[in-house]
Amino acid sequence: FTAQDELNPTELYVLRDGRERRIT
């Protein structure tokens, strides 16, 4: 998934086996 918040522009993340990791 791609995600952002109010202080961080959009990046790509993966969720695998309950663990989330930022990819880009």
PDBML (XML) file of the C-alpha atoms, coordinates in Angstrom:
<?xml version="1.0" encoding="UTF-8" ?>
<PDBx:datablock datablockName="MODEL"
   xmlns:PDBx="http://pdbml.pdb.org/schema/pdbx-v50.xsd"
   xmlns:xsi="http://www.w3.org/2001/XMLSchema-instance"
   xsi:schemaLocation="http://pdbml.pdb.org/schema/pdbx-v50.xsd pdbx-v50.xsd">
   <PDBx:atom_siteCategory>
      <PDBx:atom_site id="1">
         <PDBx:B_iso_or_equiv>0.00</PDBx:B_iso_or_equiv>
         <PDBx:Cartn_x>0.000</PDBx:Cartn_x>
         <PDBx:Cartn_y>0.000</PDBx:Cartn_y>
         <PDBx:Cartn_z>0.000</PDBx:Cartn_z>
         <PDBx:auth_asym_id>A</PDBx:auth_asym_id>
         <PDBx:auth_atom_id>CA</PDBx:auth_atom_id>
         <PDBx:auth_comp_id>PHE</PDBx:auth_comp_id>
         <PDBx:auth_seq_id>1</PDBx:auth_seq_id>
         <PDBx:group_PDB>ATOM</PDBx:group_PDB>
         <PDBx:label_alt_id xsi:nil="true" />
         <PDBx:label_asym_id>A</PDBx:label_asym_id>
         <PDBx:label_atom_id>CA</PDBx:label_atom_id>
         <PDBx:label_comp_id>PHE</PDBx:label_comp_id>
         <PDBx:label_entity_id>1</PDBx:label_entity_id>
         <PDBx:label_seq_id>1</PDBx:label_seq_id>
         <PDBx:occupancy>1.00</PDBx:occupancy>
         <PDBx:pdbx_PDB_model_num>1</PDBx:pdbx_PDB_model_num>
         <PDBx:type_symbol>C</PDBx:type_symbol>
      </PDBx:atom_site>
      <PDBx:atom_site id="2">
         <PDBx:B_iso_or_equiv>0.00</PDBx:B_iso_or_equiv>
         <PDBx:Cartn_x>0.966</PDBx:Cartn_x>
         <PDBx:Cartn_y>3.625</PDBx:Cartn_y>
         <PDBx:Cartn_z>-0.401</PDBx:Cartn_z>
         <PDBx:auth_asym_id>A</PDBx:auth_asym_id>
         <PDBx:auth_atom_id>CA</PDBx:auth_atom_id>
         <PDBx:auth_comp_id>THR</PDBx:auth_comp_id>
         <PDBx:auth_seq_id>2</PDBx:auth_seq_id>
         <PDBx:group_PDB>ATOM</PDBx:group_PDB>
         <PDBx:label_alt_id xsi:nil="true" />
         <PDBx:label_asym_id>A</PDBx:label_asym_id>
         <PDBx:label_atom_id>CA</PDBx:label_atom_id>
         <PDBx:label_comp_id>THR</PDBx:label_comp_id>
         <PDBx:label_entity_id>1</PDBx:label_entity_id>
         <PDBx:label_seq_id>2</PDBx:label_seq_id>
         <PDBx:occupancy>1.00</PDBx:occupancy>
         <PDBx:pdbx_PDB_model_num>1</PDBx:pdbx_PDB_model_num>
         <PDBx:type_symbol>C</PDBx:type_symbol>
      </PDBx:atom_site>
      <PDBx:atom_site id="3">
         <PDBx:B_iso_or_equiv>0.00</PDBx:B_iso_or_equiv>
         <PDBx:Cartn_x>0.364</PDBx:Cartn_x>
         <PDBx:Cartn_y>5.949</PDBx:Cartn_y>
         <PDBx:Cartn_z>2.538</PDBx:Cartn_z>
         <PDBx:auth_asym_id>A</PDBx:auth_asym_id>
         <PDBx:auth_atom_id>CA</PDBx:auth_atom_id>
         <PDBx:auth_comp_id>ALA</PDBx:auth_comp_id>
         <PDBx:auth_seq_id>3</PDBx:auth_seq_id>
         <PDBx:group_PDB>ATOM</PDBx:group_PDB>
         <PDBx:label_alt_id xsi:nil="true" />
         <PDBx:label_asym_id>A</PDBx:label_asym_id>
         <PDBx:label_atom_id>CA</PDBx:label_atom_id>
         <PDBx:label_comp_id>ALA</PDBx:label_comp_id>
         <PDBx:label_entity_id>1</PDBx:label_entity_id>
         <PDBx:label_seq_id>3</PDBx:label_seq_id>
         <PDBx:occupancy>1.00</PDBx:occupancy>
         <PDBx:pdbx_PDB_model_num>1</PDBx:pdbx_PDB_model_num>
         <PDBx:type_symbol>C</PDBx:type_symbol>
      </PDBx:atom_site>
      <PDBx:atom_site id="4">
         <PDBx:B_iso_or_equiv>0.00</PDBx:B_iso_or_equiv>
         <PDBx:Cartn_x>1.014</PDBx:Cartn_x>
         <PDBx:Cartn_y>9.460</PDBx:Cartn_y>
         <PDBx:Cartn_z>3.791</PDBx:Cartn_z>
         <PDBx:auth_asym_id>A</PDBx:auth_asym_id>
         <PDBx:auth_atom_id>CA</PDBx:auth_atom_id>
         <PDBx:auth_comp_id>GLN</PDBx:auth_comp_id>
         <PDBx:auth_seq_id>4</PDBx:auth_seq_id>
         <PDBx:group_PDB>ATOM</PDBx:group_PDB>
         <PDBx:label_alt_id xsi:nil="true" />
         <PDBx:label_asym_id>A</PDBx:label_asym_id>
         <PDBx:label_atom_id>CA</PDBx:label_atom_id>
         <PDBx:label_comp_id>GLN</PDBx:label_comp_id>
         <PDBx:label_entity_id>1</PDBx:label_entity_id>
         <PDBx:label_seq_id>4</PDBx:label_seq_id>
         <PDBx:occupancy>1.00</PDBx:occupancy>
         <PDBx:pdbx_PDB_model_num>1</PDBx:pdbx_PDB_model_num>
         <PDBx:type_symbol>C</PDBx:type_symbol>
      </PDBx:atom_site>
      <PDBx:atom_site id="5">
         <PDBx:B_iso_or_equiv>0.00</PDBx:B_iso_or_equiv>
         <PDBx:Cartn_x>0.306</PDBx:Cartn_x>
         <PDBx:Cartn_y>11.611</PDBx:Cartn_y>
         <PDBx:Cartn_z>6.829</PDBx:Cartn_z>
         <PDBx:auth_asym_id>A</PDBx:auth_asym_id>
         <PDBx:auth_atom_id>CA</PDBx:auth_atom_id>
         <PDBx:auth_comp_id>ASP</PDBx:auth_comp_id>
         <PDBx:auth_seq_id>5</PDBx:auth_seq_id>
         <PDBx:group_PDB>ATOM</PDBx:group_PDB>
         <PDBx:label_alt_id xsi:nil="true" />
         <PDBx:label_asym_id>A</PDBx:label_asym_id>
         <PDBx:label_atom_id>CA</PDBx:label_atom_id>
         <PDBx:label_comp_id>ASP</PDBx:label_comp_id>
         <PDBx:label_entity_id>1</PDBx:label_entity_id>
         <PDBx:label_seq_id>5</PDBx:label_seq_id>
         <PDBx:occupancy>1.00</PDBx:occupancy>
         <PDBx:pdbx_PDB_model_num>1</PDBx:pdbx_PDB_model_num>
         <PDBx:type_symbol>C</PDBx:type_symbol>
      </PDBx:atom_site>
      <PDBx:atom_site id="6">
         <PDBx:B_iso_or_equiv>0.00</PDBx:B_iso_or_equiv>
         <PDBx:Cartn_x>0.398</PDBx:Cartn_x>
         <PDBx:Cartn_y>15.314</PDBx:Cartn_y>
         <PDBx:Cartn_z>7.661</PDBx:Cartn_z>
         <PDBx:auth_asym_id>A</PDBx:auth_asym_id>
         <PDBx:auth_atom_id>CA</PDBx:auth_atom_id>
         <PDBx:auth_comp_id>GLU</PDBx:auth_comp_id>
         <PDBx:auth_seq_id>6</PDBx:auth_seq_id>
         <PDBx:group_PDB>ATOM</PDBx:group_PDB>
         <PDBx:label_alt_id xsi:nil="true" />
         <PDBx:label_asym_id>A</PDBx:label_asym_id>
         <PDBx:label_atom_id>CA</PDBx:label_atom_id>
         <PDBx:label_comp_id>GLU</PDBx:label_comp_id>
         <PDBx:label_entity_id>1</PDBx:label_entity_id>
         <PDBx:label_seq_id>6</PDBx:label_seq_id>
         <PDBx:occupancy>1.00</PDBx:occupancy>
         <PDBx:pdbx_PDB_model_num>1</PDBx:pdbx_PDB_model_num>
         <PDBx:type_symbol>C</PDBx:type_symbol>
      </PDBx:atom_site>
      <PDBx:atom_site id="7">
         <PDBx:B_iso_or_equiv>0.00</PDBx:B_iso_or_equiv>
         <PDBx:Cartn_x>4.212</PDBx:Cartn_x>
         <PDBx:Cartn_y>15.394</PDBx:Cartn_y>
         <PDBx:Cartn_z>8.007</PDBx:Cartn_z>
         <PDBx:auth_asym_id>A</PDBx:auth_asym_id>
         <PDBx:auth_atom_id>CA</PDBx:auth_atom_id>
         <PDBx:auth_comp_id>LEU</PDBx:auth_comp_id>
         <PDBx:auth_seq_id>7</PDBx:auth_seq_id>
         <PDBx:group_PDB>ATOM</PDBx:group_PDB>
         <PDBx:label_alt_id xsi:nil="true" />
         <PDBx:label_asym_id>A</PDBx:label_asym_id>
         <PDBx:label_atom_id>CA</PDBx:label_atom_id>
         <PDBx:label_comp_id>LEU</PDBx:label_comp_id>
         <PDBx:label_entity_id>1</PDBx:label_entity_id>
         <PDBx:label_seq_id>7</PDBx:label_seq_id>
         <PDBx:occupancy>1.00</PDBx:occupancy>
         <PDBx:pdbx_PDB_model_num>1</PDBx:pdbx_PDB_model_num>
         <PDBx:type_symbol>C</PDBx:type_symbol>
      </PDBx:atom_site>
      <PDBx:atom_site id="8">
         <PDBx:B_iso_or_equiv>0.00</PDBx:B_iso_or_equiv>
         <PDBx:Cartn_x>5.271</PDBx:Cartn_x>
         <PDBx:Cartn_y>12.668</PDBx:Cartn_y>
         <PDBx:Cartn_z>5.558</PDBx:Cartn_z>
         <PDBx:auth_asym_id>A</PDBx:auth_asym_id>
         <PDBx:auth_atom_id>CA</PDBx:auth_atom_id>
         <PDBx:auth_comp_id>ASN</PDBx:auth_comp_id>
         <PDBx:auth_seq_id>8</PDBx:auth_seq_id>
         <PDBx:group_PDB>ATOM</PDBx:group_PDB>
         <PDBx:label_alt_id xsi:nil="true" />
         <PDBx:label_asym_id>A</PDBx:label_asym_id>
         <PDBx:label_atom_id>CA</PDBx:label_atom_id>
         <PDBx:label_comp_id>ASN</PDBx:label_comp_id>
         <PDBx:label_entity_id>1</PDBx:label_entity_id>
         <PDBx:label_seq_id>8</PDBx:label_seq_id>
         <PDBx:occupancy>1.00</PDBx:occupancy>
         <PDBx:pdbx_PDB_model_num>1</PDBx:pdbx_PDB_model_num>
         <PDBx:type_symbol>C</PDBx:type_symbol>
      </PDBx:atom_site>
      <PDBx:atom_site id="9">
         <PDBx:B_iso_or_equiv>0.00</PDBx:B_iso_or_equiv>
         <PDBx:Cartn_x>4.423</PDBx:Cartn_x>
         <PDBx:Cartn_y>12.569</PDBx:Cartn_y>
         <PDBx:Cartn_z>1.836</PDBx:Cartn_z>
         <PDBx:auth_asym_id>A</PDBx:auth_asym_id>
         <PDBx:auth_atom_id>CA</PDBx:auth_atom_id>
         <PDBx:auth_comp_id>PRO</PDBx:auth_comp_id>
         <PDBx:auth_seq_id>9</PDBx:auth_seq_id>
         <PDBx:group_PDB>ATOM</PDBx:group_PDB>
         <PDBx:label_alt_id xsi:nil="true" />
         <PDBx:label_asym_id>A</PDBx:label_asym_id>
         <PDBx:label_atom_id>CA</PDBx:label_atom_id>
         <PDBx:label_comp_id>PRO</PDBx:label_comp_id>
         <PDBx:label_entity_id>1</PDBx:label_entity_id>
         <PDBx:label_seq_id>9</PDBx:label_seq_id>
         <PDBx:occupancy>1.00</PDBx:occupancy>
         <PDBx:pdbx_PDB_model_num>1</PDBx:pdbx_PDB_model_num>
         <PDBx:type_symbol>C</PDBx:type_symbol>
      </PDBx:atom_site>
      <PDBx:atom_site id="10">
         <PDBx:B_iso_or_equiv>0.00</PDBx:B_iso_or_equiv>
         <PDBx:Cartn_x>3.364</PDBx:Cartn_x>
         <PDBx:Cartn_y>9.324</PDBx:Cartn_y>
         <PDBx:Cartn_z>0.172</PDBx:Cartn_z>
         <PDBx:auth_asym_id>A</PDBx:auth_asym_id>
         <PDBx:auth_atom_id>CA</PDBx:auth_atom_id>
         <PDBx:auth_comp_id>THR</PDBx:auth_comp_id>
         <PDBx:auth_seq_id>10</PDBx:auth_seq_id>
         <PDBx:group_PDB>ATOM</PDBx:group_PDB>
         <PDBx:label_alt_id xsi:nil="true" />
         <PDBx:label_asym_id>A</PDBx:label_asym_id>
         <PDBx:label_atom_id>CA</PDBx:label_atom_id>
         <PDBx:label_comp_id>THR</PDBx:label_comp_id>
         <PDBx:label_entity_id>1</PDBx:label_entity_id>
         <PDBx:label_seq_id>10</PDBx:label_seq_id>
         <PDBx:occupancy>1.00</PDBx:occupancy>
         <PDBx:pdbx_PDB_model_num>1</PDBx:pdbx_PDB_model_num>
         <PDBx:type_symbol>C</PDBx:type_symbol>
      </PDBx:atom_site>
      <PDBx:atom_site id="11">
         <PDBx:B_iso_or_equiv>0.00</PDBx:B_iso_or_equiv>
         <PDBx:Cartn_x>5.645</PDBx:Cartn_x>
         <PDBx:Cartn_y>6.272</PDBx:Cartn_y>
         <PDBx:Cartn_z>0.160</PDBx:Cartn_z>
         <PDBx:auth_asym_id>A</PDBx:auth_asym_id>
         <PDBx:auth_atom_id>CA</PDBx:auth_atom_id>
         <PDBx:auth_comp_id>GLU</PDBx:auth_comp_id>
         <PDBx:auth_seq_id>11</PDBx:auth_seq_id>
         <PDBx:group_PDB>ATOM</PDBx:group_PDB>
         <PDBx:label_alt_id xsi:nil="true" />
         <PDBx:label_asym_id>A</PDBx:label_asym_id>
         <PDBx:label_atom_id>CA</PDBx:label_atom_id>
         <PDBx:label_comp_id>GLU</PDBx:label_comp_id>
         <PDBx:label_entity_id>1</PDBx:label_entity_id>
         <PDBx:label_seq_id>11</PDBx:label_seq_id>
         <PDBx:occupancy>1.00</PDBx:occupancy>
         <PDBx:pdbx_PDB_model_num>1</PDBx:pdbx_PDB_model_num>
         <PDBx:type_symbol>C</PDBx:type_symbol>
      </PDBx:atom_site>
      <PDBx:atom_site id="12">
         <PDBx:B_iso_or_equiv>0.00</PDBx:B_iso_or_equiv>
         <PDBx:Cartn_x>5.215</PDBx:Cartn_x>
         <PDBx:Cartn_y>2.546</PDBx:Cartn_y>
         <PDBx:Cartn_z>-0.539</PDBx:Cartn_z>
         <PDBx:auth_asym_id>A</PDBx:auth_asym_id>
         <PDBx:auth_atom_id>CA</PDBx:auth_atom_id>
         <PDBx:auth_comp_id>LEU</PDBx:auth_comp_id>
         <PDBx:auth_seq_id>12</PDBx:auth_seq_id>
         <PDBx:group_PDB>ATOM</PDBx:group_PDB>
         <PDBx:label_alt_id xsi:nil="true" />
         <PDBx:label_asym_id>A</PDBx:label_asym_id>
         <PDBx:label_atom_id>CA</PDBx:label_atom_id>
         <PDBx:label_comp_id>LEU</PDBx:label_comp_id>
         <PDBx:label_entity_id>1</PDBx:label_entity_id>
         <PDBx:label_seq_id>12</PDBx:label_seq_id>
         <PDBx:occupancy>1.00</PDBx:occupancy>
         <PDBx:pdbx_PDB_model_num>1</PDBx:pdbx_PDB_model_num>
         <PDBx:type_symbol>C</PDBx:type_symbol>
      </PDBx:atom_site>
      <PDBx:atom_site id="13">
         <PDBx:B_iso_or_equiv>0.00</PDBx:B_iso_or_equiv>
         <PDBx:Cartn_x>4.826</PDBx:Cartn_x>
         <PDBx:Cartn_y>0.051</PDBx:Cartn_y>
         <PDBx:Cartn_z>2.329</PDBx:Cartn_z>
         <PDBx:auth_asym_id>A</PDBx:auth_asym_id>
         <PDBx:auth_atom_id>CA</PDBx:auth_atom_id>
         <PDBx:auth_comp_id>TYR</PDBx:auth_comp_id>
         <PDBx:auth_seq_id>13</PDBx:auth_seq_id>
         <PDBx:group_PDB>ATOM</PDBx:group_PDB>
         <PDBx:label_alt_id xsi:nil="true" />
         <PDBx:label_asym_id>A</PDBx:label_asym_id>
         <PDBx:label_atom_id>CA</PDBx:label_atom_id>
         <PDBx:label_comp_id>TYR</PDBx:label_comp_id>
         <PDBx:label_entity_id>1</PDBx:label_entity_id>
         <PDBx:label_seq_id>13</PDBx:label_seq_id>
         <PDBx:occupancy>1.00</PDBx:occupancy>
         <PDBx:pdbx_PDB_model_num>1</PDBx:pdbx_PDB_model_num>
         <PDBx:type_symbol>C</PDBx:type_symbol>
      </PDBx:atom_site>
      <PDBx:atom_site id="14">
         <PDBx:B_iso_or_equiv>0.00</PDBx:B_iso_or_equiv>
         <PDBx:Cartn_x>4.287</PDBx:Cartn_x>
         <PDBx:Cartn_y>-3.691</PDBx:Cartn_y>
         <PDBx:Cartn_z>2.661</PDBx:Cartn_z>
         <PDBx:auth_asym_id>A</PDBx:auth_asym_id>
         <PDBx:auth_atom_id>CA</PDBx:auth_atom_id>
         <PDBx:auth_comp_id>VAL</PDBx:auth_comp_id>
         <PDBx:auth_seq_id>14</PDBx:auth_seq_id>
         <PDBx:group_PDB>ATOM</PDBx:group_PDB>
         <PDBx:label_alt_id xsi:nil="true" />
         <PDBx:label_asym_id>A</PDBx:label_asym_id>
         <PDBx:label_atom_id>CA</PDBx:label_atom_id>
         <PDBx:label_comp_id>VAL</PDBx:label_comp_id>
         <PDBx:label_entity_id>1</PDBx:label_entity_id>
         <PDBx:label_seq_id>14</PDBx:label_seq_id>
         <PDBx:occupancy>1.00</PDBx:occupancy>
         <PDBx:pdbx_PDB_model_num>1</PDBx:pdbx_PDB_model_num>
         <PDBx:type_symbol>C</PDBx:type_symbol>
      </PDBx:atom_site>
      <PDBx:atom_site id="15">
         <PDBx:B_iso_or_equiv>0.00</PDBx:B_iso_or_equiv>
         <PDBx:Cartn_x>2.471</PDBx:Cartn_x>
         <PDBx:Cartn_y>-5.650</PDBx:Cartn_y>
         <PDBx:Cartn_z>5.356</PDBx:Cartn_z>
         <PDBx:auth_asym_id>A</PDBx:auth_asym_id>
         <PDBx:auth_atom_id>CA</PDBx:auth_atom_id>
         <PDBx:auth_comp_id>LEU</PDBx:auth_comp_id>
         <PDBx:auth_seq_id>15</PDBx:auth_seq_id>
         <PDBx:group_PDB>ATOM</PDBx:group_PDB>
         <PDBx:label_alt_id xsi:nil="true" />
         <PDBx:label_asym_id>A</PDBx:label_asym_id>
         <PDBx:label_atom_id>CA</PDBx:label_atom_id>
         <PDBx:label_comp_id>LEU</PDBx:label_comp_id>
         <PDBx:label_entity_id>1</PDBx:label_entity_id>
         <PDBx:label_seq_id>15</PDBx:label_seq_id>
         <PDBx:occupancy>1.00</PDBx:occupancy>
         <PDBx:pdbx_PDB_model_num>1</PDBx:pdbx_PDB_model_num>
         <PDBx:type_symbol>C</PDBx:type_symbol>
      </PDBx:atom_site>
      <PDBx:atom_site id="16">
         <PDBx:B_iso_or_equiv>0.00</PDBx:B_iso_or_equiv>
         <PDBx:Cartn_x>3.678</PDBx:Cartn_x>
         <PDBx:Cartn_y>-9.224</PDBx:Cartn_y>
         <PDBx:Cartn_z>5.695</PDBx:Cartn_z>
         <PDBx:auth_asym_id>A</PDBx:auth_asym_id>
         <PDBx:auth_atom_id>CA</PDBx:auth_atom_id>
         <PDBx:auth_comp_id>ARG</PDBx:auth_comp_id>
         <PDBx:auth_seq_id>16</PDBx:auth_seq_id>
         <PDBx:group_PDB>ATOM</PDBx:group_PDB>
         <PDBx:label_alt_id xsi:nil="true" />
         <PDBx:label_asym_id>A</PDBx:label_asym_id>
         <PDBx:label_atom_id>CA</PDBx:label_atom_id>
         <PDBx:label_comp_id>ARG</PDBx:label_comp_id>
         <PDBx:label_entity_id>1</PDBx:label_entity_id>
         <PDBx:label_seq_id>16</PDBx:label_seq_id>
         <PDBx:occupancy>1.00</PDBx:occupancy>
         <PDBx:pdbx_PDB_model_num>1</PDBx:pdbx_PDB_model_num>
         <PDBx:type_symbol>C</PDBx:type_symbol>
      </PDBx:atom_site>
      <PDBx:atom_site id="17">
         <PDBx:B_iso_or_equiv>0.00</PDBx:B_iso_or_equiv>
         <PDBx:Cartn_x>2.952</PDBx:Cartn_x>
         <PDBx:Cartn_y>-11.637</PDBx:Cartn_y>
         <PDBx:Cartn_z>8.567</PDBx:Cartn_z>
         <PDBx:auth_asym_id>A</PDBx:auth_asym_id>
         <PDBx:auth_atom_id>CA</PDBx:auth_atom_id>
         <PDBx:auth_comp_id>ASP</PDBx:auth_comp_id>
         <PDBx:auth_seq_id>17</PDBx:auth_seq_id>
         <PDBx:group_PDB>ATOM</PDBx:group_PDB>
         <PDBx:label_alt_id xsi:nil="true" />
         <PDBx:label_asym_id>A</PDBx:label_asym_id>
         <PDBx:label_atom_id>CA</PDBx:label_atom_id>
         <PDBx:label_comp_id>ASP</PDBx:label_comp_id>
         <PDBx:label_entity_id>1</PDBx:label_entity_id>
         <PDBx:label_seq_id>17</PDBx:label_seq_id>
         <PDBx:occupancy>1.00</PDBx:occupancy>
         <PDBx:pdbx_PDB_model_num>1</PDBx:pdbx_PDB_model_num>
         <PDBx:type_symbol>C</PDBx:type_symbol>
      </PDBx:atom_site>
      <PDBx:atom_site id="18">
         <PDBx:B_iso_or_equiv>0.00</PDBx:B_iso_or_equiv>
         <PDBx:Cartn_x>1.599</PDBx:Cartn_x>
         <PDBx:Cartn_y>-8.782</PDBx:Cartn_y>
         <PDBx:Cartn_z>10.658</PDBx:Cartn_z>
         <PDBx:auth_asym_id>A</PDBx:auth_asym_id>
         <PDBx:auth_atom_id>CA</PDBx:auth_atom_id>
         <PDBx:auth_comp_id>GLY</PDBx:auth_comp_id>
         <PDBx:auth_seq_id>18</PDBx:auth_seq_id>
         <PDBx:group_PDB>ATOM</PDBx:group_PDB>
         <PDBx:label_alt_id xsi:nil="true" />
         <PDBx:label_asym_id>A</PDBx:label_asym_id>
         <PDBx:label_atom_id>CA</PDBx:label_atom_id>
         <PDBx:label_comp_id>GLY</PDBx:label_comp_id>
         <PDBx:label_entity_id>1</PDBx:label_entity_id>
         <PDBx:label_seq_id>18</PDBx:label_seq_id>
         <PDBx:occupancy>1.00</PDBx:occupancy>
         <PDBx:pdbx_PDB_model_num>1</PDBx:pdbx_PDB_model_num>
         <PDBx:type_symbol>C</PDBx:type_symbol>
      </PDBx:atom_site>
      <PDBx:atom_site id="19">
         <PDBx:B_iso_or_equiv>0.00</PDBx:B_iso_or_equiv>
         <PDBx:Cartn_x>4.755</PDBx:Cartn_x>
         <PDBx:Cartn_y>-6.692</PDBx:Cartn_y>
         <PDBx:Cartn_z>10.252</PDBx:Cartn_z>
         <PDBx:auth_asym_id>A</PDBx:auth_asym_id>
         <PDBx:auth_atom_id>CA</PDBx:auth_atom_id>
         <PDBx:auth_comp_id>ARG</PDBx:auth_comp_id>
         <PDBx:auth_seq_id>19</PDBx:auth_seq_id>
         <PDBx:group_PDB>ATOM</PDBx:group_PDB>
         <PDBx:label_alt_id xsi:nil="true" />
         <PDBx:label_asym_id>A</PDBx:label_asym_id>
         <PDBx:label_atom_id>CA</PDBx:label_atom_id>
         <PDBx:label_comp_id>ARG</PDBx:label_comp_id>
         <PDBx:label_entity_id>1</PDBx:label_entity_id>
         <PDBx:label_seq_id>19</PDBx:label_seq_id>
         <PDBx:occupancy>1.00</PDBx:occupancy>
         <PDBx:pdbx_PDB_model_num>1</PDBx:pdbx_PDB_model_num>
         <PDBx:type_symbol>C</PDBx:type_symbol>
      </PDBx:atom_site>
      <PDBx:atom_site id="20">
         <PDBx:B_iso_or_equiv>0.00</PDBx:B_iso_or_equiv>
         <PDBx:Cartn_x>4.759</PDBx:Cartn_x>
         <PDBx:Cartn_y>-3.425</PDBx:Cartn_y>
         <PDBx:Cartn_z>8.329</PDBx:Cartn_z>
         <PDBx:auth_asym_id>A</PDBx:auth_asym_id>
         <PDBx:auth_atom_id>CA</PDBx:auth_atom_id>
         <PDBx:auth_comp_id>GLU</PDBx:auth_comp_id>
         <PDBx:auth_seq_id>20</PDBx:auth_seq_id>
         <PDBx:group_PDB>ATOM</PDBx:group_PDB>
         <PDBx:label_alt_id xsi:nil="true" />
         <PDBx:label_asym_id>A</PDBx:label_asym_id>
         <PDBx:label_atom_id>CA</PDBx:label_atom_id>
         <PDBx:label_comp_id>GLU</PDBx:label_comp_id>
         <PDBx:label_entity_id>1</PDBx:label_entity_id>
         <PDBx:label_seq_id>20</PDBx:label_seq_id>
         <PDBx:occupancy>1.00</PDBx:occupancy>
         <PDBx:pdbx_PDB_model_num>1</PDBx:pdbx_PDB_model_num>
         <PDBx:type_symbol>C</PDBx:type_symbol>
      </PDBx:atom_site>
      <PDBx:atom_site id="21">
         <PDBx:B_iso_or_equiv>0.00</PDBx:B_iso_or_equiv>
         <PDBx:Cartn_x>7.807</PDBx:Cartn_x>
         <PDBx:Cartn_y>-2.158</PDBx:Cartn_y>
         <PDBx:Cartn_z>6.452</PDBx:Cartn_z>
         <PDBx:auth_asym_id>A</PDBx:auth_asym_id>
         <PDBx:auth_atom_id>CA</PDBx:auth_atom_id>
         <PDBx:auth_comp_id>ARG</PDBx:auth_comp_id>
         <PDBx:auth_seq_id>21</PDBx:auth_seq_id>
         <PDBx:group_PDB>ATOM</PDBx:group_PDB>
         <PDBx:label_alt_id xsi:nil="true" />
         <PDBx:label_asym_id>A</PDBx:label_asym_id>
         <PDBx:label_atom_id>CA</PDBx:label_atom_id>
         <PDBx:label_comp_id>ARG</PDBx:label_comp_id>
         <PDBx:label_entity_id>1</PDBx:label_entity_id>
         <PDBx:label_seq_id>21</PDBx:label_seq_id>
         <PDBx:occupancy>1.00</PDBx:occupancy>
         <PDBx:pdbx_PDB_model_num>1</PDBx:pdbx_PDB_model_num>
         <PDBx:type_symbol>C</PDBx:type_symbol>
      </PDBx:atom_site>
      <PDBx:atom_site id="22">
         <PDBx:B_iso_or_equiv>0.00</PDBx:B_iso_or_equiv>
         <PDBx:Cartn_x>8.474</PDBx:Cartn_x>
         <PDBx:Cartn_y>0.958</PDBx:Cartn_y>
         <PDBx:Cartn_z>4.443</PDBx:Cartn_z>
         <PDBx:auth_asym_id>A</PDBx:auth_asym_id>
         <PDBx:auth_atom_id>CA</PDBx:auth_atom_id>
         <PDBx:auth_comp_id>ARG</PDBx:auth_comp_id>
         <PDBx:auth_seq_id>22</PDBx:auth_seq_id>
         <PDBx:group_PDB>ATOM</PDBx:group_PDB>
         <PDBx:label_alt_id xsi:nil="true" />
         <PDBx:label_asym_id>A</PDBx:label_asym_id>
         <PDBx:label_atom_id>CA</PDBx:label_atom_id>
         <PDBx:label_comp_id>ARG</PDBx:label_comp_id>
         <PDBx:label_entity_id>1</PDBx:label_entity_id>
         <PDBx:label_seq_id>22</PDBx:label_seq_id>
         <PDBx:occupancy>1.00</PDBx:occupancy>
         <PDBx:pdbx_PDB_model_num>1</PDBx:pdbx_PDB_model_num>
         <PDBx:type_symbol>C</PDBx:type_symbol>
      </PDBx:atom_site>
      <PDBx:atom_site id="23">
         <PDBx:B_iso_or_equiv>0.00</PDBx:B_iso_or_equiv>
         <PDBx:Cartn_x>9.887</PDBx:Cartn_x>
         <PDBx:Cartn_y>0.161</PDBx:Cartn_y>
         <PDBx:Cartn_z>0.999</PDBx:Cartn_z>
         <PDBx:auth_asym_id>A</PDBx:auth_asym_id>
         <PDBx:auth_atom_id>CA</PDBx:auth_atom_id>
         <PDBx:auth_comp_id>ILE</PDBx:auth_comp_id>
         <PDBx:auth_seq_id>23</PDBx:auth_seq_id>
         <PDBx:group_PDB>ATOM</PDBx:group_PDB>
         <PDBx:label_alt_id xsi:nil="true" />
         <PDBx:label_asym_id>A</PDBx:label_asym_id>
         <PDBx:label_atom_id>CA</PDBx:label_atom_id>
         <PDBx:label_comp_id>ILE</PDBx:label_comp_id>
         <PDBx:label_entity_id>1</PDBx:label_entity_id>
         <PDBx:label_seq_id>23</PDBx:label_seq_id>
         <PDBx:occupancy>1.00</PDBx:occupancy>
         <PDBx:pdbx_PDB_model_num>1</PDBx:pdbx_PDB_model_num>
         <PDBx:type_symbol>C</PDBx:type_symbol>
      </PDBx:atom_site>
      <PDBx:atom_site id="24">
         <PDBx:B_iso_or_equiv>0.00</PDBx:B_iso_or_equiv>
         <PDBx:Cartn_x>10.589</PDBx:Cartn_x>
         <PDBx:Cartn_y>3.529</PDBx:Cartn_y>
         <PDBx:Cartn_z>-0.643</PDBx:Cartn_z>
         <PDBx:auth_asym_id>A</PDBx:auth_asym_id>
         <PDBx:auth_atom_id>CA</PDBx:auth_atom_id>
         <PDBx:auth_comp_id>THR</PDBx:auth_comp_id>
         <PDBx:auth_seq_id>24</PDBx:auth_seq_id>
         <PDBx:group_PDB>ATOM</PDBx:group_PDB>
         <PDBx:label_alt_id xsi:nil="true" />
         <PDBx:label_asym_id>A</PDBx:label_asym_id>
         <PDBx:label_atom_id>CA</PDBx:label_atom_id>
         <PDBx:label_comp_id>THR</PDBx:label_comp_id>
         <PDBx:label_entity_id>1</PDBx:label_entity_id>
         <PDBx:label_seq_id>24</PDBx:label_seq_id>
         <PDBx:occupancy>1.00</PDBx:occupancy>
         <PDBx:pdbx_PDB_model_num>1</PDBx:pdbx_PDB_model_num>
         <PDBx:type_symbol>C</PDBx:type_symbol>
      </PDBx:atom_site>
   </PDBx:atom_siteCategory>
</PDBx:datablock>
